[in-house]
Amino acid sequence: MMEGTDGAMPALEKIYKSTHFNEDTNEWISPECEDIHDEIVRIEAEHNSQDGAVPITQGELSVKVFKAKSGYLKGLGMRPSSTVRSTIVESVNNNEYVTHLEKKVDEQDELIQEQGEKIQVQAEGIEAANATIAELVEAKEQQGRALASVLEYLKNQGYTGYWYLSLSLSLSLSNKWYVFSWNNF
């Protein structure tokens, strides 16, 4: 079997043209040869243009154009195994690749599911934290109102006690500042 310069099988279309087209006269050896060449190009283009198609192998292309013959690929020479065996091996390789891709899709689905669950837990945590913050703000405001009420009561009562220190207190209630100070000694 003929191989390309990189060790891979060369394209059937190129092999066929190099053996059936006369470069000097710029003509095909026969009109049938030109038709066969056009058929090779058409089948390969048709197959590869299908969505999600795995590129057709040169062996498959040879069998489609020239029909199968035991142990020989017309246009490509001898082949290592029968068409059935090649088809099975290529089918197994394609199945392995499809299985690999399906496994990757499943892994991605699991990862997306895990990330969605983490986002949900974080959203619940944020909601709980916001509720706690709202409760603390309300409690602070209630304490401020209660302390302001007590201080106002003491001030109105003219409280005169013995204070050994100077007390100054500022409260913020609904953007209003209340300042109380005593300097009783």
N, C-alpha and C. Protein backbone atom coordinates (compact mmCIF):
# COMPACT_ATOMS: atom_id res chain seq x y z
N MET A 1 0.85 -1.18 0.00
CA MET A 1 0.00 0.00 0.00
C MET A 1 0.90 1.24 0.00
N MET A 2 0.55 2.20 -0.77
CA MET A 2 1.30 3.44 -0.90
C MET A 2 1.05 4.33 0.30
N GLU A 3 2.08 4.98 0.83
CA GLU A 3 1.90 5.90 1.95
C GLU A 3 2.39 7.28 1.59
N GLY A 4 1.82 8.28 2.26
CA GLY A 4 2.25 9.66 2.05
C GLY A 4 3.59 9.89 2.72
N THR A 5 4.13 11.06 2.59
CA THR A 5 5.44 11.38 3.14
C THR A 5 5.44 11.39 4.66
N ASP A 6 4.29 11.58 5.29
CA ASP A 6 4.23 11.61 6.75
C ASP A 6 3.86 10.25 7.33
N GLY A 7 3.83 9.18 6.51
CA GLY A 7 3.51 7.85 6.98
C GLY A 7 2.03 7.54 6.89
N ALA A 8 1.19 8.52 6.59
CA ALA A 8 -0.25 8.31 6.47
C ALA A 8 -0.59 7.94 5.04
N MET A 9 -1.73 7.29 4.87
CA MET A 9 -2.20 6.93 3.53
C MET A 9 -2.55 8.21 2.78
N PRO A 10 -2.02 8.38 1.56
CA PRO A 10 -2.34 9.59 0.79
C PRO A 10 -3.80 9.55 0.34
N ALA A 11 -4.30 10.68 -0.03
CA ALA A 11 -5.68 10.80 -0.47
C ALA A 11 -5.90 10.01 -1.75
N LEU A 12 -7.00 9.24 -1.79
CA LEU A 12 -7.33 8.43 -2.95
C LEU A 12 -7.44 9.29 -4.20
N GLU A 13 -8.03 10.46 -4.05
CA GLU A 13 -8.20 11.36 -5.18
C GLU A 13 -6.85 11.72 -5.80
N LYS A 14 -5.85 11.98 -4.97
CA LYS A 14 -4.53 12.34 -5.49
C LYS A 14 -3.83 11.16 -6.15
N ILE A 15 -3.95 9.99 -5.53
CA ILE A 15 -3.33 8.79 -6.13
C ILE A 15 -3.97 8.50 -7.49
N TYR A 16 -5.29 8.54 -7.51
CA TYR A 16 -6.00 8.21 -8.75
C TYR A 16 -5.64 9.20 -9.86
N LYS A 17 -5.61 10.49 -9.50
CA LYS A 17 -5.28 11.49 -10.54
C LYS A 17 -3.85 11.32 -11.02
N SER A 18 -2.93 11.02 -10.09
CA SER A 18 -1.52 10.89 -10.50
C SER A 18 -1.30 9.69 -11.42
N THR A 19 -2.21 8.68 -11.33
CA THR A 19 -2.03 7.50 -12.18
C THR A 19 -2.94 7.48 -13.40
N HIS A 20 -3.91 8.41 -13.49
CA HIS A 20 -4.86 8.38 -14.60
C HIS A 20 -4.97 9.71 -15.36
N PHE A 21 -4.13 10.64 -15.02
CA PHE A 21 -4.17 11.94 -15.69
C PHE A 21 -2.79 12.23 -16.25
N ASN A 22 -2.74 12.60 -17.53
CA ASN A 22 -1.47 12.87 -18.19
C ASN A 22 -1.17 14.35 -18.07
N GLU A 23 -0.14 14.67 -17.29
CA GLU A 23 0.25 16.06 -17.06
C GLU A 23 0.75 16.73 -18.34
N ASP A 24 1.41 15.94 -19.20
CA ASP A 24 1.97 16.52 -20.43
C ASP A 24 0.87 16.96 -21.40
N THR A 25 -0.14 16.15 -21.57
CA THR A 25 -1.22 16.49 -22.51
C THR A 25 -2.37 17.20 -21.80
N ASN A 26 -2.32 17.23 -20.48
CA ASN A 26 -3.36 17.84 -19.66
C ASN A 26 -4.73 17.22 -19.93
N GLU A 27 -4.72 15.85 -20.07
CA GLU A 27 -5.95 15.12 -20.36
C GLU A 27 -5.99 13.85 -19.52
N TRP A 28 -7.22 13.35 -19.30
CA TRP A 28 -7.40 12.06 -18.66
C TRP A 28 -7.08 10.96 -19.65
N ILE A 29 -6.67 9.80 -19.13
CA ILE A 29 -6.34 8.67 -19.99
C ILE A 29 -7.57 8.24 -20.79
N SER A 30 -8.74 8.30 -20.11
CA SER A 30 -10.00 7.99 -20.79
C SER A 30 -11.11 8.80 -20.12
N PRO A 31 -12.21 8.99 -20.81
CA PRO A 31 -13.32 9.73 -20.19
C PRO A 31 -13.84 9.03 -18.92
N GLU A 32 -13.80 7.67 -18.91
CA GLU A 32 -14.24 6.94 -17.72
C GLU A 32 -13.38 7.29 -16.50
N CYS A 33 -12.09 7.50 -16.73
CA CYS A 33 -11.18 7.84 -15.63
C CYS A 33 -11.57 9.19 -15.01
N GLU A 34 -11.93 10.13 -15.86
CA GLU A 34 -12.35 11.43 -15.36
C GLU A 34 -13.64 11.29 -14.55
N ASP A 35 -14.58 10.44 -15.03
CA ASP A 35 -15.83 10.22 -14.31
C ASP A 35 -15.58 9.59 -12.93
N ILE A 36 -14.67 8.62 -12.91
CA ILE A 36 -14.34 7.96 -11.63
C ILE A 36 -13.72 8.98 -10.68
N HIS A 37 -12.81 9.80 -11.19
CA HIS A 37 -12.19 10.83 -10.35
C HIS A 37 -13.25 11.77 -9.77
N ASP A 38 -14.18 12.19 -10.63
CA ASP A 38 -15.25 13.08 -10.18
C ASP A 38 -16.12 12.39 -9.12
N GLU A 39 -16.34 11.09 -9.28
CA GLU A 39 -17.12 10.32 -8.31
C GLU A 39 -16.40 10.26 -6.95
N ILE A 40 -15.10 10.09 -6.98
CA ILE A 40 -14.30 10.08 -5.73
C ILE A 40 -14.47 11.40 -5.00
N VAL A 41 -14.31 12.48 -5.72
CA VAL A 41 -14.42 13.83 -5.13
C VAL A 41 -15.83 14.06 -4.60
N ARG A 42 -16.85 13.65 -5.37
CA ARG A 42 -18.25 13.86 -4.97
C ARG A 42 -18.59 13.07 -3.70
N ILE A 43 -18.25 11.80 -3.66
CA ILE A 43 -18.59 10.96 -2.49
C ILE A 43 -17.90 11.50 -1.24
N GLU A 44 -16.62 11.85 -1.37
CA GLU A 44 -15.89 12.36 -0.20
C GLU A 44 -16.51 13.68 0.29
N ALA A 45 -16.84 14.56 -0.62
CA ALA A 45 -17.44 15.85 -0.25
C ALA A 45 -18.82 15.65 0.37
N GLU A 46 -19.63 14.75 -0.22
CA GLU A 46 -20.97 14.47 0.31
C GLU A 46 -20.90 13.93 1.73
N HIS A 47 -20.02 12.97 1.93
CA HIS A 47 -19.90 12.34 3.26
C HIS A 47 -19.43 13.35 4.30
N ASN A 48 -18.44 14.12 3.97
CA ASN A 48 -17.85 15.05 4.95
C ASN A 48 -18.71 16.28 5.19
N SER A 49 -19.68 16.53 4.32
CA SER A 49 -20.54 17.70 4.51
C SER A 49 -21.70 17.43 5.47
N GLN A 50 -21.91 16.18 5.83
CA GLN A 50 -22.99 15.84 6.76
C GLN A 50 -22.63 16.32 8.16
N ASP A 51 -23.65 16.84 8.88
CA ASP A 51 -23.42 17.32 10.24
C ASP A 51 -22.96 16.18 11.14
N GLY A 52 -21.89 16.42 11.89
CA GLY A 52 -21.39 15.45 12.86
C GLY A 52 -20.73 14.24 12.22
N ALA A 53 -20.46 14.28 10.93
CA ALA A 53 -19.86 13.13 10.25
C ALA A 53 -18.40 12.98 10.63
N VAL A 54 -18.01 11.73 10.86
CA VAL A 54 -16.60 11.42 11.05
C VAL A 54 -16.02 11.34 9.65
N PRO A 55 -14.89 11.98 9.39
CA PRO A 55 -14.34 11.98 8.02
C PRO A 55 -14.21 10.55 7.48
N ILE A 56 -14.57 10.39 6.22
CA ILE A 56 -14.50 9.08 5.58
C ILE A 56 -13.04 8.68 5.41
N THR A 57 -12.74 7.41 5.69
CA THR A 57 -11.37 6.95 5.50
C THR A 57 -11.14 6.68 4.02
N GLN A 58 -9.88 6.64 3.63
CA GLN A 58 -9.55 6.38 2.23
C GLN A 58 -9.95 4.97 1.85
N GLY A 59 -9.87 4.02 2.80
CA GLY A 59 -10.31 2.65 2.53
C GLY A 59 -11.81 2.59 2.28
N GLU A 60 -12.60 3.28 3.10
CA GLU A 60 -14.06 3.32 2.89
C GLU A 60 -14.39 3.97 1.55
N LEU A 61 -13.69 5.04 1.23
CA LEU A 61 -13.93 5.74 -0.03
C LEU A 61 -13.64 4.83 -1.22
N SER A 62 -12.54 4.07 -1.13
CA SER A 62 -12.18 3.15 -2.20
C SER A 62 -13.25 2.08 -2.40
N VAL A 63 -13.77 1.55 -1.29
CA VAL A 63 -14.80 0.52 -1.38
C VAL A 63 -16.07 1.09 -1.99
N LYS A 64 -16.44 2.33 -1.62
CA LYS A 64 -17.66 2.93 -2.17
C LYS A 64 -17.54 3.21 -3.67
N VAL A 65 -16.37 3.64 -4.12
CA VAL A 65 -16.21 4.00 -5.53
C VAL A 65 -15.95 2.77 -6.40
N PHE A 66 -15.04 1.90 -5.94
CA PHE A 66 -14.61 0.79 -6.79
C PHE A 66 -15.25 -0.55 -6.42
N LYS A 67 -16.02 -0.61 -5.36
CA LYS A 67 -16.65 -1.82 -4.84
C LYS A 67 -15.56 -2.71 -4.21
N ALA A 68 -15.95 -3.48 -3.24
CA ALA A 68 -15.00 -4.29 -2.46
C ALA A 68 -14.50 -5.49 -3.24
N LYS A 69 -13.19 -5.77 -3.08
CA LYS A 69 -12.58 -6.98 -3.61
C LYS A 69 -11.70 -7.53 -2.49
N SER A 70 -11.68 -8.78 -2.34
CA SER A 70 -10.96 -9.41 -1.24
C SER A 70 -9.47 -9.06 -1.28
N GLY A 71 -8.99 -8.48 -0.19
CA GLY A 71 -7.56 -8.22 -0.01
C GLY A 71 -6.99 -7.08 -0.82
N TYR A 72 -7.81 -6.32 -1.53
CA TYR A 72 -7.27 -5.29 -2.41
C TYR A 72 -8.17 -4.07 -2.39
N LEU A 73 -7.57 -2.91 -2.30
CA LEU A 73 -8.32 -1.65 -2.40
C LEU A 73 -7.90 -1.01 -3.71
N LYS A 74 -8.80 -1.00 -4.66
CA LYS A 74 -8.49 -0.46 -5.97
C LYS A 74 -8.10 1.02 -5.81
N GLY A 75 -6.99 1.35 -6.37
CA GLY A 75 -6.49 2.72 -6.28
C GLY A 75 -5.57 2.91 -5.10
N LEU A 76 -5.63 1.97 -4.14
CA LEU A 76 -4.76 2.08 -2.96
C LEU A 76 -3.86 0.85 -2.79
N GLY A 77 -4.11 -0.20 -3.54
CA GLY A 77 -3.26 -1.38 -3.47
C GLY A 77 -3.73 -2.38 -2.43
N MET A 78 -2.83 -3.24 -2.00
CA MET A 78 -3.15 -4.30 -1.03
C MET A 78 -3.51 -3.67 0.32
N ARG A 79 -4.40 -4.32 1.00
CA ARG A 79 -4.78 -3.85 2.33
C ARG A 79 -4.48 -4.95 3.33
N PRO A 80 -4.27 -4.57 4.58
CA PRO A 80 -3.84 -5.55 5.58
C PRO A 80 -4.93 -6.54 5.98
N SER A 81 -6.19 -6.20 5.82
CA SER A 81 -7.24 -7.11 6.25
C SER A 81 -8.44 -6.98 5.34
N SER A 82 -9.41 -7.85 5.55
CA SER A 82 -10.60 -7.80 4.71
C SER A 82 -11.43 -6.57 5.01
N THR A 83 -12.36 -6.27 4.08
CA THR A 83 -13.25 -5.13 4.25
C THR A 83 -14.05 -5.26 5.53
N VAL A 84 -14.53 -6.45 5.81
CA VAL A 84 -15.33 -6.66 7.02
C VAL A 84 -14.50 -6.33 8.25
N ARG A 85 -13.26 -6.85 8.29
CA ARG A 85 -12.41 -6.60 9.45
C ARG A 85 -12.08 -5.11 9.56
N SER A 86 -11.75 -4.44 8.44
CA SER A 86 -11.47 -3.00 8.47
C SER A 86 -12.68 -2.23 8.96
N THR A 87 -13.84 -2.59 8.44
CA THR A 87 -15.07 -1.90 8.84
C THR A 87 -15.32 -2.10 10.32
N ILE A 88 -15.09 -3.31 10.82
CA ILE A 88 -15.29 -3.58 12.25
C ILE A 88 -14.32 -2.76 13.07
N VAL A 89 -13.04 -2.75 12.68
CA VAL A 89 -12.05 -1.98 13.44
C VAL A 89 -12.38 -0.50 13.42
N GLU A 90 -12.73 0.02 12.22
CA GLU A 90 -13.08 1.43 12.13
C GLU A 90 -14.34 1.72 12.93
N SER A 91 -15.30 0.79 12.91
CA SER A 91 -16.53 0.96 13.68
C SER A 91 -16.23 0.95 15.17
N VAL A 92 -15.34 0.06 15.61
CA VAL A 92 -14.96 0.01 17.02
C VAL A 92 -14.28 1.31 17.42
N ASN A 93 -13.37 1.80 16.55
CA ASN A 93 -12.69 3.06 16.84
C ASN A 93 -13.69 4.20 16.92
N ASN A 94 -14.65 4.25 15.99
CA ASN A 94 -15.68 5.29 16.03
C ASN A 94 -16.53 5.15 17.28
N ASN A 95 -16.90 3.91 17.63
CA ASN A 95 -17.68 3.68 18.84
C ASN A 95 -16.93 4.10 20.09
N GLU A 96 -15.63 3.81 20.12
CA GLU A 96 -14.81 4.23 21.26
C GLU A 96 -14.79 5.76 21.35
N TYR A 97 -14.66 6.41 20.22
CA TYR A 97 -14.63 7.87 20.21
C TYR A 97 -15.97 8.44 20.67
N VAL A 98 -17.06 7.86 20.16
CA VAL A 98 -18.39 8.31 20.57
C VAL A 98 -18.58 8.08 22.07
N THR A 99 -18.16 6.91 22.55
CA THR A 99 -18.25 6.61 23.99
C THR A 99 -17.44 7.61 24.80
N HIS A 100 -16.26 7.94 24.31
CA HIS A 100 -15.41 8.93 24.97
C HIS A 100 -16.12 10.28 25.04
N LEU A 101 -16.71 10.70 23.91
CA LEU A 101 -17.42 11.98 23.89
C LEU A 101 -18.64 11.96 24.81
N GLU A 102 -19.37 10.85 24.82
CA GLU A 102 -20.52 10.73 25.72
C GLU A 102 -20.08 10.83 27.18
N LYS A 103 -18.96 10.20 27.49
CA LYS A 103 -18.42 10.26 28.86
C LYS A 103 -18.07 11.70 29.23
N LYS A 104 -17.46 12.43 28.29
CA LYS A 104 -17.12 13.83 28.53
C LYS A 104 -18.38 14.67 28.77
N VAL A 105 -19.42 14.43 27.97
CA VAL A 105 -20.68 15.16 28.13
C VAL A 105 -21.27 14.86 29.50
N ASP A 106 -21.24 13.60 29.91
CA ASP A 106 -21.76 13.23 31.23
C ASP A 106 -20.98 13.92 32.34
N GLU A 107 -19.65 13.96 32.20
CA GLU A 107 -18.82 14.63 33.20
C GLU A 107 -19.16 16.11 33.28
N GLN A 108 -19.36 16.74 32.13
CA GLN A 108 -19.71 18.16 32.11
C GLN A 108 -21.08 18.39 32.74
N ASP A 109 -22.03 17.48 32.47
CA ASP A 109 -23.36 17.59 33.07
C ASP A 109 -23.27 17.50 34.60
N GLU A 110 -22.45 16.56 35.09
CA GLU A 110 -22.28 16.41 36.54
C GLU A 110 -21.66 17.67 37.13
N LEU A 111 -20.66 18.21 36.47
CA LEU A 111 -20.00 19.43 36.95
C LEU A 111 -20.98 20.59 36.99
N ILE A 112 -21.79 20.73 35.96
CA ILE A 112 -22.80 21.80 35.92
C ILE A 112 -23.80 21.61 37.06
N GLN A 113 -24.21 20.36 37.31
CA GLN A 113 -25.15 20.07 38.39
C GLN A 113 -24.54 20.45 39.74
N GLU A 114 -23.27 20.07 39.97
CA GLU A 114 -22.60 20.40 41.22
C GLU A 114 -22.50 21.91 41.40
N GLN A 115 -22.14 22.62 40.35
CA GLN A 115 -22.01 24.07 40.43
C GLN A 115 -23.36 24.72 40.70
N GLY A 116 -24.42 24.19 40.10
CA GLY A 116 -25.76 24.70 40.35
C GLY A 116 -26.15 24.52 41.81
N GLU A 117 -25.82 23.36 42.37
CA GLU A 117 -26.12 23.11 43.78
C GLU A 117 -25.34 24.06 44.69
N LYS A 118 -24.07 24.29 44.37
CA LYS A 118 -23.26 25.22 45.16
C LYS A 118 -23.82 26.63 45.10
N ILE A 119 -24.25 27.04 43.92
CA ILE A 119 -24.84 28.38 43.77
C ILE A 119 -26.11 28.49 44.60
N GLN A 120 -26.93 27.42 44.61
CA GLN A 120 -28.16 27.43 45.39
C GLN A 120 -27.86 27.55 46.88
N VAL A 121 -26.85 26.80 47.37
CA VAL A 121 -26.47 26.88 48.78
C VAL A 121 -25.96 28.28 49.11
N GLN A 122 -25.17 28.86 48.23
CA GLN A 122 -24.67 30.22 48.47
C GLN A 122 -25.80 31.23 48.48
N ALA A 123 -26.76 31.08 47.59
CA ALA A 123 -27.89 32.00 47.55
C ALA A 123 -28.70 31.91 48.84
N GLU A 124 -28.91 30.69 49.33
CA GLU A 124 -29.62 30.51 50.60
C GLU A 124 -28.84 31.13 51.75
N GLY A 125 -27.51 30.97 51.74
CA GLY A 125 -26.67 31.57 52.78
C GLY A 125 -26.75 33.10 52.75
N ILE A 126 -26.74 33.67 51.57
CA ILE A 126 -26.84 35.13 51.43
C ILE A 126 -28.20 35.61 51.94
N GLU A 127 -29.25 34.87 51.59
CA GLU A 127 -30.59 35.24 52.03
C GLU A 127 -30.69 35.19 53.56
N ALA A 128 -30.12 34.17 54.17
CA ALA A 128 -30.13 34.05 55.64
C ALA A 128 -29.31 35.18 56.28
N ALA A 129 -28.16 35.50 55.69
CA ALA A 129 -27.33 36.58 56.22
C ALA A 129 -28.06 37.92 56.13
N ASN A 130 -28.75 38.16 55.02
CA ASN A 130 -29.51 39.41 54.87
C ASN A 130 -30.63 39.50 55.90
N ALA A 131 -31.28 38.37 56.18
CA ALA A 131 -32.34 38.36 57.19
C ALA A 131 -31.76 38.66 58.57
N THR A 132 -30.62 38.10 58.89
CA THR A 132 -29.96 38.35 60.17
C THR A 132 -29.56 39.82 60.29
N ILE A 133 -29.03 40.37 59.22
CA ILE A 133 -28.63 41.78 59.23
C ILE A 133 -29.85 42.67 59.48
N ALA A 134 -30.95 42.36 58.82
CA ALA A 134 -32.17 43.15 59.02
C ALA A 134 -32.65 43.06 60.48
N GLU A 135 -32.58 41.88 61.07
CA GLU A 135 -32.97 41.71 62.47
C GLU A 135 -32.05 42.51 63.40
N LEU A 136 -30.76 42.48 63.13
CA LEU A 136 -29.81 43.21 63.96
C LEU A 136 -30.01 44.72 63.85
N VAL A 137 -30.29 45.21 62.66
CA VAL A 137 -30.54 46.64 62.46
C VAL A 137 -31.78 47.05 63.25
N GLU A 138 -32.83 46.25 63.15
CA GLU A 138 -34.07 46.54 63.89
C GLU A 138 -33.82 46.51 65.40
N ALA A 139 -33.07 45.53 65.89
CA ALA A 139 -32.76 45.44 67.32
C ALA A 139 -31.95 46.65 67.78
N LYS A 140 -30.99 47.09 66.96
CA LYS A 140 -30.18 48.25 67.30
C LYS A 140 -31.07 49.50 67.39
N GLU A 141 -31.98 49.63 66.44
CA GLU A 141 -32.88 50.79 66.47
C GLU A 141 -33.79 50.76 67.69
N GLN A 142 -34.27 49.58 68.07
CA GLN A 142 -35.12 49.47 69.26
C GLN A 142 -34.33 49.82 70.53
N GLN A 143 -33.09 49.35 70.61
CA GLN A 143 -32.26 49.68 71.77
C GLN A 143 -32.00 51.18 71.83
N GLY A 144 -31.74 51.76 70.68
CA GLY A 144 -31.49 53.20 70.64
C GLY A 144 -32.70 53.99 71.09
N ARG A 145 -33.89 53.57 70.65
CA ARG A 145 -35.11 54.25 71.07
C ARG A 145 -35.34 54.10 72.58
N ALA A 146 -35.10 52.90 73.10
CA ALA A 146 -35.29 52.66 74.53
C ALA A 146 -34.31 53.49 75.35
N LEU A 147 -33.04 53.53 74.94
CA LEU A 147 -32.04 54.31 75.67
C LEU A 147 -32.36 55.80 75.60
N ALA A 148 -32.78 56.28 74.45
CA ALA A 148 -33.15 57.69 74.31
C ALA A 148 -34.32 58.02 75.21
N SER A 149 -35.26 57.11 75.32
CA SER A 149 -36.43 57.32 76.19
C SER A 149 -36.02 57.38 77.66
N VAL A 150 -35.14 56.49 78.06
CA VAL A 150 -34.66 56.49 79.46
C VAL A 150 -33.91 57.78 79.76
N LEU A 151 -33.03 58.17 78.87
CA LEU A 151 -32.25 59.38 79.10
C LEU A 151 -33.14 60.62 79.12
N GLU A 152 -34.13 60.65 78.24
CA GLU A 152 -35.06 61.78 78.22
C GLU A 152 -35.85 61.83 79.54
N TYR A 153 -36.27 60.69 80.03
CA TYR A 153 -37.00 60.62 81.30
C TYR A 153 -36.13 61.16 82.45
N LEU A 154 -34.87 60.68 82.49
CA LEU A 154 -33.96 61.12 83.57
C LEU A 154 -33.71 62.63 83.48
N LYS A 155 -33.57 63.13 82.31
CA LYS A 155 -33.33 64.56 82.11
C LYS A 155 -34.55 65.35 82.57
N ASN A 156 -35.75 64.89 82.22
CA ASN A 156 -36.99 65.57 82.64
C ASN A 156 -37.19 65.50 84.15
N GLN A 157 -36.67 64.48 84.76
CA GLN A 157 -36.82 64.33 86.21
C GLN A 157 -35.78 65.16 86.97
N GLY A 158 -34.87 65.72 86.22
CA GLY A 158 -33.83 66.53 86.84
C GLY A 158 -32.88 65.69 87.68
N TYR A 159 -32.58 64.57 87.21
CA TYR A 159 -31.73 63.64 87.95
C TYR A 159 -30.45 64.32 88.39
N THR A 160 -30.22 64.24 89.68
CA THR A 160 -28.98 64.77 90.24
C THR A 160 -28.35 63.68 91.07
N GLY A 161 -27.46 63.03 90.53
CA GLY A 161 -26.76 61.99 91.25
C GLY A 161 -25.29 62.31 91.30
N TYR A 162 -24.59 61.53 92.02
CA TYR A 162 -23.16 61.72 92.10
C TYR A 162 -22.49 60.90 91.00
N TRP A 163 -21.95 61.63 90.07
CA TRP A 163 -21.25 60.98 88.97
C TRP A 163 -19.76 61.25 89.14
N TYR A 164 -19.02 60.25 89.02
CA TYR A 164 -17.58 60.41 89.17
C TYR A 164 -16.90 60.52 87.81
N LEU A 165 -17.67 60.51 86.80
CA LEU A 165 -17.09 60.70 85.46
C LEU A 165 -18.08 61.46 84.61
N SER A 166 -17.59 62.01 83.58
CA SER A 166 -18.43 62.77 82.65
C SER A 166 -18.94 61.81 81.59
N LEU A 167 -20.24 61.84 81.33
CA LEU A 167 -20.84 60.93 80.36
C LEU A 167 -21.35 61.72 79.18
N SER A 168 -20.98 61.27 77.99
CA SER A 168 -21.49 61.91 76.77
C SER A 168 -21.94 60.79 75.84
N LEU A 169 -23.15 60.91 75.31
CA LEU A 169 -23.71 59.85 74.49
C LEU A 169 -24.35 60.45 73.25
N SER A 170 -24.07 59.84 72.11
CA SER A 170 -24.71 60.27 70.86
C SER A 170 -25.44 59.08 70.27
N LEU A 171 -26.65 59.29 69.84
CA LEU A 171 -27.43 58.22 69.23
C LEU A 171 -27.89 58.66 67.85
N SER A 172 -27.93 57.71 66.93
CA SER A 172 -28.47 57.99 65.60
C SER A 172 -29.74 57.19 65.46
N LEU A 173 -30.86 57.88 65.35
CA LEU A 173 -32.14 57.24 65.13
C LEU A 173 -32.77 57.84 63.89
N SER A 174 -32.92 57.02 62.89
CA SER A 174 -33.53 57.47 61.63
C SER A 174 -32.90 58.76 61.14
N ASN A 175 -31.60 58.80 61.08
CA ASN A 175 -30.82 59.94 60.61
C ASN A 175 -30.97 61.20 61.49
N LYS A 176 -31.45 61.05 62.73
CA LYS A 176 -31.51 62.16 63.69
C LYS A 176 -30.51 61.86 64.79
N TRP A 177 -29.74 62.84 65.14
CA TRP A 177 -28.73 62.65 66.19
C TRP A 177 -29.23 63.26 67.50
N TYR A 178 -29.11 62.48 68.54
CA TYR A 178 -29.46 62.94 69.89
C TYR A 178 -28.18 62.93 70.71
N VAL A 179 -27.88 64.04 71.33
CA VAL A 179 -26.66 64.14 72.14
C VAL A 179 -27.07 64.44 73.58
N PHE A 180 -26.60 63.62 74.48
CA PHE A 180 -26.88 63.79 75.91
C PHE A 180 -25.55 63.89 76.63
N SER A 181 -25.45 64.76 77.56
CA SER A 181 -24.24 64.76 78.37
C SER A 181 -24.56 65.25 79.79
N TRP A 182 -23.92 64.67 80.74
CA TRP A 182 -24.05 65.03 82.16
C TRP A 182 -22.67 65.31 82.69
N ASN A 183 -22.64 66.26 83.48
CA ASN A 183 -21.38 66.60 84.16
C ASN A 183 -21.66 66.79 85.66
N ASN A 184 -22.27 65.85 86.27
CA ASN A 184 -22.58 65.94 87.69
C ASN A 184 -21.42 65.37 88.50
N PHE A 185 -21.02 66.12 89.56
CA PHE A 185 -19.95 65.62 90.43
C PHE A 185 -20.40 65.67 91.84
